[in-house]
Every structure is written in C-alpha cells, then in structure tokens.
Protein backbone atom coordinates (compact mmCIF):
# COMPACT_ATOMS: atom_id res chain seq x y z
CA MET A 1 0.00 0.00 0.00
CA HIS A 2 1.30 3.44 -0.92
CA THR A 3 1.56 6.21 1.64
CA ASN A 4 0.20 9.67 0.95
CA ASN A 5 3.77 10.94 0.70
CA GLU A 6 4.64 8.36 -1.98
CA ILE A 7 1.49 9.22 -3.94
CA LYS A 8 2.31 12.95 -3.72
CA LYS A 9 5.87 12.33 -4.95
CA HIS A 10 4.55 10.26 -7.87
CA MET A 11 2.00 12.94 -8.81
CA ASP A 12 4.65 15.67 -8.51
CA ALA A 13 6.88 13.69 -10.90
CA GLN A 14 4.01 13.27 -13.37
CA ALA A 15 3.19 16.98 -13.15
CA ARG A 16 6.83 17.92 -13.85
CA GLN A 17 6.88 15.59 -16.87
CA ILE A 18 3.70 17.12 -18.27
CA ASP A 19 5.07 20.62 -17.67
CA ARG A 20 8.28 19.72 -19.55
CA GLU A 21 6.37 18.23 -22.47
CA LEU A 22 4.04 21.21 -22.75
CA SER A 23 6.97 23.64 -22.48
CA GLU A 24 8.68 21.86 -25.36
CA ASN A 25 5.46 21.88 -27.45
CA PRO A 26 3.63 25.19 -26.85
CA GLY A 27 -0.01 25.02 -27.84
CA ALA A 28 -0.13 21.23 -27.67
CA ALA A 29 -3.10 19.56 -26.01
CA MET A 30 -2.55 16.84 -23.47
CA GLU A 31 -5.09 14.65 -21.73
CA VAL A 32 -4.61 14.48 -17.97
CA ASP A 33 -6.76 12.50 -15.56
CA GLN A 34 -8.88 14.50 -13.14
CA GLU A 35 -6.93 13.52 -10.02
CA LEU A 36 -3.62 14.70 -11.50
CA ALA A 37 -5.20 17.86 -12.92
CA ASP A 38 -6.61 18.63 -9.47
CA HIS A 39 -3.17 18.03 -7.94
CA MET A 40 -1.74 20.48 -10.49
CA GLY A 41 -4.27 23.14 -9.47
CA ALA A 42 -6.42 23.01 -12.59
CA PHE A 43 -9.70 23.29 -10.71
CA GLU A 44 -10.75 26.30 -8.70
CA GLU A 45 -13.09 25.68 -5.78
CA THR A 46 -16.25 27.66 -6.40
CA ALA A 47 -18.63 26.06 -3.91
CA LEU A 48 -20.42 28.25 -1.42
CA SER A 49 -19.28 28.15 2.16
CA LEU A 50 -21.89 27.32 4.79
CA GLU A 51 -21.90 30.98 5.82
CA ASP A 52 -22.44 32.15 2.22
CA ALA A 53 -25.28 29.66 1.77
CA GLU A 54 -26.96 30.83 4.97
CA ASP A 55 -26.58 34.48 3.93
CA ALA A 56 -28.05 33.71 0.50
CA SER A 57 -31.08 32.03 2.06
CA PHE A 58 -31.91 35.07 4.19
CA ASP A 59 -34.96 36.97 2.94
CA PRO A 60 -34.88 40.51 4.37
CA PHE A 61 -38.61 40.90 3.65
CA GLU A 62 -39.64 37.73 5.47
CA GLU A 63 -41.02 38.21 8.96
CA GLU A 64 -39.29 36.17 11.61
C-alpha cells in the first residue's frame, strides 16, 4: 500500500513531466486525468461556504 507521501511524490513527478512536455510543445493539447489535474491546481473551488449559503437564504422581507 502506498503512503500519501509516496502518492504525492509520484504525482509531482508526473506533473513535472507534463510541464516539460508542454513547455517543449507550446499550444499542444494533453489529456490528464482528473486527479492529476486537481493536484496540479487546474480546478478552482467555487462552492459556497456554509456561511455564504446561509446568507443567500436570508430573505430581508420575510417576517421572523
């Protein structure tokens, strides 16, 4: 079984390889699995926080 540290090292190595390949071939497209893309920072978290969700559900015109 792999430890989290081993998995991180493996993903870091894959990310460096992809970065090298894309640097050598500007404009090239490369398929990357979602887990590695997430590790590389490709996805920005856009979910509402609990506080934001509660604020959005507040109706200022509703009587309490």
